[in-house]
Amino acid sequence: NTGRKTGFWLEELAAPYYVFKDAGVEITLADFDTVFYPGGHGPMW
């Protein structure tokens, strides 16, 4: 409740892709070889 933004470290992310959160996106796991989760404080919430 600080009012400060979480963001993420740009160096942790090579190419931005937004996935599934209220987007109605279906992910087919067969389409991906792996997953990479960059950091930033936001994932904790």
All heavy atoms as atom14 arrays in JSON, in Angstrom:
{
  "sequence": "NTGRKTGFWLEELAAPYYVFKDAGVEITLADFDTVFYPGGHGPMW",
  "atom14_mask": [
    [1, 1, 1, 1, 1, 1, 1, 1, 0, 0, 0, 0, 0, 0],
    [1, 1, 1, 1, 1, 1, 1, 0, 0, 0, 0, 0, 0, 0],
    [1, 1, 1, 1, 0, 0, 0, 0, 0, 0, 0, 0, 0, 0],
    [1, 1, 1, 1, 1, 1, 1, 1, 1, 1, 1, 0, 0, 0],
    [1, 1, 1, 1, 1, 1, 1, 1, 1, 0, 0, 0, 0, 0],
    [1, 1, 1, 1, 1, 1, 1, 0, 0, 0, 0, 0, 0, 0],
    [1, 1, 1, 1, 0, 0, 0, 0, 0, 0, 0, 0, 0, 0],
    [1, 1, 1, 1, 1, 1, 1, 1, 1, 1, 1, 0, 0, 0],
    [1, 1, 1, 1, 1, 1, 1, 1, 1, 1, 1, 1, 1, 1],
    [1, 1, 1, 1, 1, 1, 1, 1, 0, 0, 0, 0, 0, 0],
    [1, 1, 1, 1, 1, 1, 1, 1, 1, 0, 0, 0, 0, 0],
    [1, 1, 1, 1, 1, 1, 1, 1, 1, 0, 0, 0, 0, 0],
    [1, 1, 1, 1, 1, 1, 1, 1, 0, 0, 0, 0, 0, 0],
    [1, 1, 1, 1, 1, 0, 0, 0, 0, 0, 0, 0, 0, 0],
    [1, 1, 1, 1, 1, 0, 0, 0, 0, 0, 0, 0, 0, 0],
    [1, 1, 1, 1, 1, 1, 1, 0, 0, 0, 0, 0, 0, 0],
    [1, 1, 1, 1, 1, 1, 1, 1, 1, 1, 1, 1, 0, 0],
    [1, 1, 1, 1, 1, 1, 1, 1, 1, 1, 1, 1, 0, 0],
    [1, 1, 1, 1, 1, 1, 1, 0, 0, 0, 0, 0, 0, 0],
    [1, 1, 1, 1, 1, 1, 1, 1, 1, 1, 1, 0, 0, 0],
    [1, 1, 1, 1, 1, 1, 1, 1, 1, 0, 0, 0, 0, 0],
    [1, 1, 1, 1, 1, 1, 1, 1, 0, 0, 0, 0, 0, 0],
    [1, 1, 1, 1, 1, 0, 0, 0, 0, 0, 0, 0, 0, 0],
    [1, 1, 1, 1, 0, 0, 0, 0, 0, 0, 0, 0, 0, 0],
    [1, 1, 1, 1, 1, 1, 1, 0, 0, 0, 0, 0, 0, 0],
    [1, 1, 1, 1, 1, 1, 1, 1, 1, 0, 0, 0, 0, 0],
    [1, 1, 1, 1, 1, 1, 1, 1, 0, 0, 0, 0, 0, 0],
    [1, 1, 1, 1, 1, 1, 1, 0, 0, 0, 0, 0, 0, 0],
    [1, 1, 1, 1, 1, 1, 1, 1, 0, 0, 0, 0, 0, 0],
    [1, 1, 1, 1, 1, 0, 0, 0, 0, 0, 0, 0, 0, 0],
    [1, 1, 1, 1, 1, 1, 1, 1, 0, 0, 0, 0, 0, 0],
    [1, 1, 1, 1, 1, 1, 1, 1, 1, 1, 1, 0, 0, 0],
    [1, 1, 1, 1, 1, 1, 1, 1, 0, 0, 0, 0, 0, 0],
    [1, 1, 1, 1, 1, 1, 1, 0, 0, 0, 0, 0, 0, 0],
    [1, 1, 1, 1, 1, 1, 1, 0, 0, 0, 0, 0, 0, 0],
    [1, 1, 1, 1, 1, 1, 1, 1, 1, 1, 1, 0, 0, 0],
    [1, 1, 1, 1, 1, 1, 1, 1, 1, 1, 1, 1, 0, 0],
    [1, 1, 1, 1, 1, 1, 1, 0, 0, 0, 0, 0, 0, 0],
    [1, 1, 1, 1, 0, 0, 0, 0, 0, 0, 0, 0, 0, 0],
    [1, 1, 1, 1, 0, 0, 0, 0, 0, 0, 0, 0, 0, 0],
    [1, 1, 1, 1, 1, 1, 1, 1, 1, 1, 0, 0, 0, 0],
    [1, 1, 1, 1, 0, 0, 0, 0, 0, 0, 0, 0, 0, 0],
    [1, 1, 1, 1, 1, 1, 1, 0, 0, 0, 0, 0, 0, 0],
    [1, 1, 1, 1, 1, 1, 1, 1, 0, 0, 0, 0, 0, 0],
    [1, 1, 1, 1, 1, 1, 1, 1, 1, 1, 1, 1, 1, 1]
  ],
  "atom14_positions": [
    [[0.83, -1.21, 0.0], [0.0, 0.0, 0.0], [0.86, 1.26, 0.0], [0.43, 2.31, 0.45], [-0.96, -0.01, 1.2], [-0.21, -0.06, 2.52], [1.0, -0.04, 2.56], [-0.96, -0.15, 3.61], [0.0, 0.0, 0.0], [0.0, 0.0, 0.0], [0.0, 0.0, 0.0], [0.0, 0.0, 0.0], [0.0, 0.0, 0.0], [0.0, 0.0, 0.0]],
    [[2.06, 1.16, -0.55], [2.99, 2.28, -0.55], [2.72, 3.31, -1.64], [3.21, 4.43, -1.58], [4.45, 1.8, -0.75], [4.55, 1.21, -2.06], [4.86, 0.78, 0.31], [0.0, 0.0, 0.0], [0.0, 0.0, 0.0], [0.0, 0.0, 0.0], [0.0, 0.0, 0.0], [0.0, 0.0, 0.0], [0.0, 0.0, 0.0], [0.0, 0.0, 0.0]],
    [[1.98, 2.9, -2.67], [1.79, 3.79, -3.82], [2.95, 3.74, -4.79], [2.9, 4.36, -5.85], [0.0, 0.0, 0.0], [0.0, 0.0, 0.0], [0.0, 0.0, 0.0], [0.0, 0.0, 0.0], [0.0, 0.0, 0.0], [0.0, 0.0, 0.0], [0.0, 0.0, 0.0], [0.0, 0.0, 0.0], [0.0, 0.0, 0.0], [0.0, 0.0, 0.0]],
    [[4.01, 3.02, -4.44], [5.17, 2.88, -5.33], [4.92, 1.75, -6.32], [4.28, 0.76, -6.0], [6.43, 2.58, -4.5], [6.83, 3.76, -3.64], [7.93, 3.45, -2.64], [9.08, 2.78, -3.22], [9.99, 2.14, -2.49], [9.87, 2.1, -1.18], [11.01, 1.56, -3.07], [0.0, 0.0, 0.0], [0.0, 0.0, 0.0], [0.0, 0.0, 0.0]],
    [[5.43, 1.91, -7.53], [5.26, 0.92, -8.59], [6.21, -0.27, -8.37], [7.32, -0.11, -7.89], [5.54, 1.55, -9.96], [4.58, 2.66, -10.31], [3.21, 2.11, -10.54], [2.24, 3.19, -10.96], [0.87, 2.75, -10.94], [0.0, 0.0, 0.0], [0.0, 0.0, 0.0], [0.0, 0.0, 0.0], [0.0, 0.0, 0.0], [0.0, 0.0, 0.0]],
    [[5.73, -1.46, -8.76], [6.57, -2.65, -8.65], [7.51, -2.76, -9.83], [8.7, -2.9, -9.67], [5.74, -3.95, -8.6], [4.93, -4.03, -9.76], [4.91, -4.02, -7.35], [0.0, 0.0, 0.0], [0.0, 0.0, 0.0], [0.0, 0.0, 0.0], [0.0, 0.0, 0.0], [0.0, 0.0, 0.0], [0.0, 0.0, 0.0], [0.0, 0.0, 0.0]],
    [[6.96, -2.77, -11.04], [7.78, -2.91, -12.24], [8.56, -4.2, -12.26], [8.3, -5.12, -11.51], [0.0, 0.0, 0.0], [0.0, 0.0, 0.0], [0.0, 0.0, 0.0], [0.0, 0.0, 0.0], [0.0, 0.0, 0.0], [0.0, 0.0, 0.0], [0.0, 0.0, 0.0], [0.0, 0.0, 0.0], [0.0, 0.0, 0.0], [0.0, 0.0, 0.0]],
    [[9.5, -4.27, -13.18], [10.43, -5.39, -13.26], [11.73, -4.84, -13.83], [11.75, -3.78, -14.43], [9.89, -6.55, -14.1], [9.52, -6.18, -15.5], [10.45, -6.22, -16.52], [8.23, -5.78, -15.8], [10.12, -5.87, -17.81], [7.89, -5.42, -17.09], [8.82, -5.47, -18.09], [0.0, 0.0, 0.0], [0.0, 0.0, 0.0], [0.0, 0.0, 0.0]],
    [[12.8, -5.56, -13.62], [14.11, -5.12, -14.1], [14.2, -5.42, -15.57], [14.06, -6.57, -15.99], [15.22, -5.83, -13.34], [15.34, -5.37, -11.94], [14.63, -5.83, -10.86], [16.19, -4.34, -11.45], [15.0, -5.16, -9.76], [15.96, -4.23, -10.08], [17.13, -3.5, -12.04], [16.64, -3.32, -9.28], [17.8, -2.61, -11.25], [17.55, -2.52, -9.89]],
    [[14.46, -4.41, -16.38], [14.55, -4.59, -17.82], [15.59, -5.64, -18.19], [15.39, -6.43, -19.1], [14.87, -3.25, -18.51], [14.82, -3.27, -20.03], [13.45, -3.73, -20.53], [15.15, -1.9, -20.58], [0.0, 0.0, 0.0], [0.0, 0.0, 0.0], [0.0, 0.0, 0.0], [0.0, 0.0, 0.0], [0.0, 0.0, 0.0], [0.0, 0.0, 0.0]],
    [[16.69, -5.68, -17.45], [17.72, -6.66, -17.78], [17.24, -8.09, -17.55], [17.81, -9.04, -18.08], [19.0, -6.41, -16.98], [18.85, -6.69, -15.49], [20.07, -6.27, -14.7], [20.3, -5.07, -14.57], [20.79, -7.15, -14.22], [0.0, 0.0, 0.0], [0.0, 0.0, 0.0], [0.0, 0.0, 0.0], [0.0, 0.0, 0.0], [0.0, 0.0, 0.0]],
    [[16.17, -8.28, -16.79], [15.65, -9.63, -16.56], [14.74, -10.08, -17.7], [14.35, -11.23, -17.75], [14.84, -9.68, -15.27], [15.69, -9.52, -14.05], [14.9, -9.52, -12.77], [13.7, -9.2, -12.79], [15.49, -9.85, -11.75], [0.0, 0.0, 0.0], [0.0, 0.0, 0.0], [0.0, 0.0, 0.0], [0.0, 0.0, 0.0], [0.0, 0.0, 0.0]],
    [[14.4, -9.17, -18.58], [13.43, -9.49, -19.61], [13.97, -9.13, -20.99], [14.21, -7.97, -21.29], [12.15, -8.71, -19.34], [10.96, -9.02, -20.23], [10.56, -10.47, -20.13], [9.81, -8.12, -19.85], [0.0, 0.0, 0.0], [0.0, 0.0, 0.0], [0.0, 0.0, 0.0], [0.0, 0.0, 0.0], [0.0, 0.0, 0.0], [0.0, 0.0, 0.0]],
    [[14.14, -10.13, -21.82], [14.68, -9.87, -23.15], [13.58, -9.45, -24.13], [13.79, -8.6, -24.97], [15.38, -11.12, -23.67], [0.0, 0.0, 0.0], [0.0, 0.0, 0.0], [0.0, 0.0, 0.0], [0.0, 0.0, 0.0], [0.0, 0.0, 0.0], [0.0, 0.0, 0.0], [0.0, 0.0, 0.0], [0.0, 0.0, 0.0], [0.0, 0.0, 0.0]],
    [[12.4, -10.03, -24.03], [11.3, -9.71, -24.93], [9.99, -9.85, -24.18], [9.7, -10.9, -23.62], [11.3, -10.66, -26.13], [0.0, 0.0, 0.0], [0.0, 0.0, 0.0], [0.0, 0.0, 0.0], [0.0, 0.0, 0.0], [0.0, 0.0, 0.0], [0.0, 0.0, 0.0], [0.0, 0.0, 0.0], [0.0, 0.0, 0.0], [0.0, 0.0, 0.0]],
    [[9.17, -8.79, -24.11], [7.97, -8.85, -23.28], [6.8, -9.61, -23.93], [6.45, -9.37, -25.07], [7.61, -7.37, -23.11], [8.17, -6.72, -24.31], [9.38, -7.48, -24.7], [0.0, 0.0, 0.0], [0.0, 0.0, 0.0], [0.0, 0.0, 0.0], [0.0, 0.0, 0.0], [0.0, 0.0, 0.0], [0.0, 0.0, 0.0], [0.0, 0.0, 0.0]],
    [[6.26, -10.53, -23.18], [5.05, -11.24, -23.56], [4.14, -11.25, -22.35], [4.57, -11.52, -21.25], [5.35, -12.68, -23.97], [6.15, -12.75, -25.24], [7.53, -12.82, -25.2], [5.53, -12.7, -26.47], [8.27, -12.84, -26.36], [6.27, -12.72, -27.64], [7.62, -12.8, -27.57], [8.36, -12.82, -28.72], [0.0, 0.0, 0.0], [0.0, 0.0, 0.0]],
    [[2.88, -10.94, -22.56], [1.91, -10.94, -21.48], [1.04, -12.18, -21.61], [0.59, -12.51, -22.7], [1.04, -9.68, -21.56], [-0.02, -9.62, -20.51], [0.32, -9.33, -19.2], [-1.34, -9.91, -20.81], [-0.64, -9.3, -18.23], [-2.31, -9.88, -19.84], [-1.94, -9.58, -18.55], [-2.9, -9.56, -17.58], [0.0, 0.0, 0.0], [0.0, 0.0, 0.0]],
    [[0.81, -12.84, -20.52], [0.13, -14.13, -20.57], [-1.01, -14.23, -19.58], [-0.9, -13.73, -18.47], [1.15, -15.25, -20.26], [0.49, -16.6, -20.27], [2.26, -15.22, -21.27], [0.0, 0.0, 0.0], [0.0, 0.0, 0.0], [0.0, 0.0, 0.0], [0.0, 0.0, 0.0], [0.0, 0.0, 0.0], [0.0, 0.0, 0.0], [0.0, 0.0, 0.0]],
    [[-2.03, -14.85, -19.93], [-3.18, -15.38, -19.21], [-3.91, -14.52, -18.2], [-5.07, -14.73, -17.99], [-2.91, -16.75, -18.6], [-1.82, -16.91, -17.59], [-1.88, -16.32, -16.36], [-0.74, -17.71, -17.88], [-0.9, -16.52, -15.43], [0.26, -17.91, -16.96], [0.18, -17.31, -15.73], [0.0, 0.0, 0.0], [0.0, 0.0, 0.0], [0.0, 0.0, 0.0]],
    [[-3.36, -13.58, -17.51], [-4.04, -12.86, -16.44], [-5.24, -12.11, -16.99], [-5.11, -11.04, -17.55], [-3.06, -11.92, -15.74], [-3.62, -11.22, -14.54], [-3.82, -12.17, -13.4], [-4.23, -11.35, -12.18], [-4.6, -12.12, -11.09], [0.0, 0.0, 0.0], [0.0, 0.0, 0.0], [0.0, 0.0, 0.0], [0.0, 0.0, 0.0], [0.0, 0.0, 0.0]],
    [[-6.4, -12.65, -16.81], [-7.66, -12.05, -17.25], [-7.67, -11.72, -18.74], [-8.46, -10.89, -19.17], [-7.98, -10.79, -16.44], [-8.15, -11.08, -14.96], [-8.69, -12.15, -14.64], [-7.76, -10.24, -14.15], [0.0, 0.0, 0.0], [0.0, 0.0, 0.0], [0.0, 0.0, 0.0], [0.0, 0.0, 0.0], [0.0, 0.0, 0.0], [0.0, 0.0, 0.0]],
    [[-6.81, -12.35, -19.51], [-6.75, -12.05, -20.93], [-7.5, -13.08, -21.76], [-7.67, -12.9, -22.95], [-5.29, -11.98, -21.39], [0.0, 0.0, 0.0], [0.0, 0.0, 0.0], [0.0, 0.0, 0.0], [0.0, 0.0, 0.0], [0.0, 0.0, 0.0], [0.0, 0.0, 0.0], [0.0, 0.0, 0.0], [0.0, 0.0, 0.0], [0.0, 0.0, 0.0]],
    [[-7.93, -14.15, -21.12], [-8.64, -15.19, -21.84], [-7.75, -15.92, -22.82], [-8.22, -16.53, -23.77], [0.0, 0.0, 0.0], [0.0, 0.0, 0.0], [0.0, 0.0, 0.0], [0.0, 0.0, 0.0], [0.0, 0.0, 0.0], [0.0, 0.0, 0.0], [0.0, 0.0, 0.0], [0.0, 0.0, 0.0], [0.0, 0.0, 0.0], [0.0, 0.0, 0.0]],
    [[-6.45, -15.86, -22.61], [-5.5, -16.5, -23.52], [-5.35, -17.97, -23.14], [-5.13, -18.3, -21.98], [-4.12, -15.8, -23.44], [-3.09, -16.54, -24.26], [-4.24, -14.36, -23.88], [0.0, 0.0, 0.0], [0.0, 0.0, 0.0], [0.0, 0.0, 0.0], [0.0, 0.0, 0.0], [0.0, 0.0, 0.0], [0.0, 0.0, 0.0], [0.0, 0.0, 0.0]],
    [[-5.5, -18.83, -24.1], [-5.27, -20.25, -23.9], [-3.83, -20.56, -24.29], [-3.4, -20.2, -25.38], [-6.22, -21.08, -24.75], [-7.62, -21.19, -24.18], [-7.69, -21.95, -22.86], [-7.0, -22.98, -22.71], [-8.42, -21.48, -21.99], [0.0, 0.0, 0.0], [0.0, 0.0, 0.0], [0.0, 0.0, 0.0], [0.0, 0.0, 0.0], [0.0, 0.0, 0.0]],
    [[-3.12, -21.19, -23.42], [-1.74, -21.55, -23.69], [-1.68, -23.05, -23.93], [-2.13, -23.83, -23.13], [-0.83, -21.18, -22.51], [-0.85, -19.68, -22.3], [0.58, -21.68, -22.73], [-0.14, -19.23, -21.06], [0.0, 0.0, 0.0], [0.0, 0.0, 0.0], [0.0, 0.0, 0.0], [0.0, 0.0, 0.0], [0.0, 0.0, 0.0], [0.0, 0.0, 0.0]],
    [[-1.13, -23.43, -25.05], [-0.92, -24.83, -25.36], [0.54, -25.14, -25.04], [1.45, -24.64, -25.7], [-1.21, -25.11, -26.85], [-2.53, -24.65, -27.13], [-1.08, -26.58, -27.17], [0.0, 0.0, 0.0], [0.0, 0.0, 0.0], [0.0, 0.0, 0.0], [0.0, 0.0, 0.0], [0.0, 0.0, 0.0], [0.0, 0.0, 0.0], [0.0, 0.0, 0.0]],
    [[0.73, -25.95, -24.02], [2.09, -26.23, -23.56], [2.95, -26.87, -24.63], [4.15, -26.67, -24.67], [2.05, -27.1, -22.31], [1.42, -26.44, -21.1], [1.46, -27.38, -19.9], [2.09, -25.13, -20.77], [0.0, 0.0, 0.0], [0.0, 0.0, 0.0], [0.0, 0.0, 0.0], [0.0, 0.0, 0.0], [0.0, 0.0, 0.0], [0.0, 0.0, 0.0]],
    [[2.32, -27.61, -25.53], [3.08, -28.24, -26.61], [3.74, -27.2, -27.51], [4.71, -27.49, -28.2], [2.17, -29.14, -27.43], [0.0, 0.0, 0.0], [0.0, 0.0, 0.0], [0.0, 0.0, 0.0], [0.0, 0.0, 0.0], [0.0, 0.0, 0.0], [0.0, 0.0, 0.0], [0.0, 0.0, 0.0], [0.0, 0.0, 0.0], [0.0, 0.0, 0.0]],
    [[3.22, -25.97, -27.48], [3.78, -24.9, -28.31], [5.07, -24.31, -27.73], [5.74, -23.53, -28.4], [2.77, -23.77, -28.48], [1.58, -24.18, -29.32], [1.68, -25.19, -30.05], [0.55, -23.5, -29.24], [0.0, 0.0, 0.0], [0.0, 0.0, 0.0], [0.0, 0.0, 0.0], [0.0, 0.0, 0.0], [0.0, 0.0, 0.0], [0.0, 0.0, 0.0]],
    [[5.39, -24.63, -26.48], [6.54, -24.03, -25.8], [7.5, -25.08, -25.29], [7.09, -26.13, -24.81], [6.08, -23.14, -24.64], [5.26, -21.97, -25.1], [3.88, -22.03, -25.11], [5.88, -20.82, -25.55], [3.12, -20.96, -25.56], [5.13, -19.75, -26.01], [3.74, -19.82, -26.01], [0.0, 0.0, 0.0], [0.0, 0.0, 0.0], [0.0, 0.0, 0.0]],
    [[8.78, -24.77, -25.39], [9.82, -25.67, -24.9], [10.16, -25.4, -23.44], [10.71, -26.25, -22.76], [11.08, -25.5, -25.75], [10.82, -25.86, -27.2], [10.37, -26.98, -27.46], [11.02, -24.98, -28.07], [0.0, 0.0, 0.0], [0.0, 0.0, 0.0], [0.0, 0.0, 0.0], [0.0, 0.0, 0.0], [0.0, 0.0, 0.0], [0.0, 0.0, 0.0]],
    [[9.85, -24.19, -22.99], [10.22, -23.79, -21.64], [9.43, -22.54, -21.25], [8.73, -21.96, -22.06], [11.73, -23.51, -21.54], [12.08, -23.29, -20.18], [12.14, -22.31, -22.38], [0.0, 0.0, 0.0], [0.0, 0.0, 0.0], [0.0, 0.0, 0.0], [0.0, 0.0, 0.0], [0.0, 0.0, 0.0], [0.0, 0.0, 0.0], [0.0, 0.0, 0.0]],
    [[9.61, -22.14, -20.0], [9.06, -20.88, -19.51], [10.15, -20.17, -18.71], [10.97, -20.83, -18.05], [7.78, -21.1, -18.67], [8.06, -21.82, -17.36], [7.07, -19.78, -18.38], [0.0, 0.0, 0.0], [0.0, 0.0, 0.0], [0.0, 0.0, 0.0], [0.0, 0.0, 0.0], [0.0, 0.0, 0.0], [0.0, 0.0, 0.0], [0.0, 0.0, 0.0]],
    [[10.16, -18.85, -18.82], [11.12, -18.02, -18.08], [10.33, -16.97, -17.32], [9.52, -16.26, -17.9], [12.08, -17.34, -19.06], [13.2, -16.57, -18.4], [14.38, -17.2, -18.05], [13.06, -15.22, -18.12], [15.4, -16.49, -17.44], [14.07, -14.51, -17.5], [15.25, -15.15, -17.17], [0.0, 0.0, 0.0], [0.0, 0.0, 0.0], [0.0, 0.0, 0.0]],
    [[10.53, -16.9, -16.01], [9.89, -15.91, -15.15], [10.94, -14.89, -14.71], [11.75, -15.18, -13.84], [9.34, -16.58, -13.89], [8.01, -17.26, -14.0], [7.82, -18.38, -14.8], [6.92, -16.82, -13.25], [6.6, -19.02, -14.88], [5.7, -17.46, -13.31], [5.54, -18.56, -14.12], [4.33, -19.19, -14.17], [0.0, 0.0, 0.0], [0.0, 0.0, 0.0]],
    [[10.93, -13.68, -15.27], [11.82, -12.64, -14.75], [11.28, -12.16, -13.4], [10.16, -12.48, -13.04], [11.76, -11.54, -15.81], [10.49, -11.77, -16.54], [10.15, -13.22, -16.41], [0.0, 0.0, 0.0], [0.0, 0.0, 0.0], [0.0, 0.0, 0.0], [0.0, 0.0, 0.0], [0.0, 0.0, 0.0], [0.0, 0.0, 0.0], [0.0, 0.0, 0.0]],
    [[12.07, -11.39, -12.69], [11.68, -10.98, -11.35], [10.95, -9.66, -11.27], [10.09, -9.36, -12.08], [0.0, 0.0, 0.0], [0.0, 0.0, 0.0], [0.0, 0.0, 0.0], [0.0, 0.0, 0.0], [0.0, 0.0, 0.0], [0.0, 0.0, 0.0], [0.0, 0.0, 0.0], [0.0, 0.0, 0.0], [0.0, 0.0, 0.0], [0.0, 0.0, 0.0]],
    [[11.33, -8.86, -10.29], [10.59, -7.68, -9.9], [9.73, -8.06, -8.71], [9.46, -9.23, -8.47], [0.0, 0.0, 0.0], [0.0, 0.0, 0.0], [0.0, 0.0, 0.0], [0.0, 0.0, 0.0], [0.0, 0.0, 0.0], [0.0, 0.0, 0.0], [0.0, 0.0, 0.0], [0.0, 0.0, 0.0], [0.0, 0.0, 0.0], [0.0, 0.0, 0.0]],
    [[9.3, -7.09, -7.94], [8.53, -7.39, -6.73], [7.11, -7.89, -7.02], [6.53, -8.61, -6.23], [8.47, -6.16, -5.82], [9.72, -5.94, -5.05], [10.79, -5.25, -5.56], [10.06, -6.32, -3.81], [11.75, -5.21, -4.65], [11.33, -5.86, -3.58], [0.0, 0.0, 0.0], [0.0, 0.0, 0.0], [0.0, 0.0, 0.0], [0.0, 0.0, 0.0]],
    [[6.53, -7.51, -8.15], [5.14, -7.84, -8.45], [4.77, -9.3, -8.33], [3.68, -9.61, -7.82], [0.0, 0.0, 0.0], [0.0, 0.0, 0.0], [0.0, 0.0, 0.0], [0.0, 0.0, 0.0], [0.0, 0.0, 0.0], [0.0, 0.0, 0.0], [0.0, 0.0, 0.0], [0.0, 0.0, 0.0], [0.0, 0.0, 0.0], [0.0, 0.0, 0.0]],
    [[5.6, -10.25, -8.79], [5.22, -11.66, -8.72], [4.86, -12.15, -7.32], [4.12, -13.12, -7.17], [6.46, -12.39, -9.24], [7.11, -11.41, -10.15], [6.87, -10.07, -9.49], [0.0, 0.0, 0.0], [0.0, 0.0, 0.0], [0.0, 0.0, 0.0], [0.0, 0.0, 0.0], [0.0, 0.0, 0.0], [0.0, 0.0, 0.0], [0.0, 0.0, 0.0]],
    [[5.35, -11.47, -6.3], [5.06, -11.89, -4.94], [3.59, -11.67, -4.59], [3.05, -12.35, -3.71], [5.96, -11.16, -3.96], [7.42, -11.48, -4.22], [8.51, -10.67, -3.08], [8.12, -11.56, -1.59], [0.0, 0.0, 0.0], [0.0, 0.0, 0.0], [0.0, 0.0, 0.0], [0.0, 0.0, 0.0], [0.0, 0.0, 0.0], [0.0, 0.0, 0.0]],
    [[2.95, -10.74, -5.27], [1.54, -10.48, -5.01], [0.63, -11.27, -5.95], [-0.41, -11.74, -5.53], [1.23, -8.99, -5.13], [1.56, -8.22, -3.9], [0.75, -8.04, -2.81], [2.77, -7.52, -3.62], [1.4, -7.27, -1.87], [2.64, -6.94, -2.36], [3.95, -7.34, -4.33], [3.65, -6.18, -1.77], [4.95, -6.59, -3.76], [4.8, -6.02, -2.48]]
  ]
}
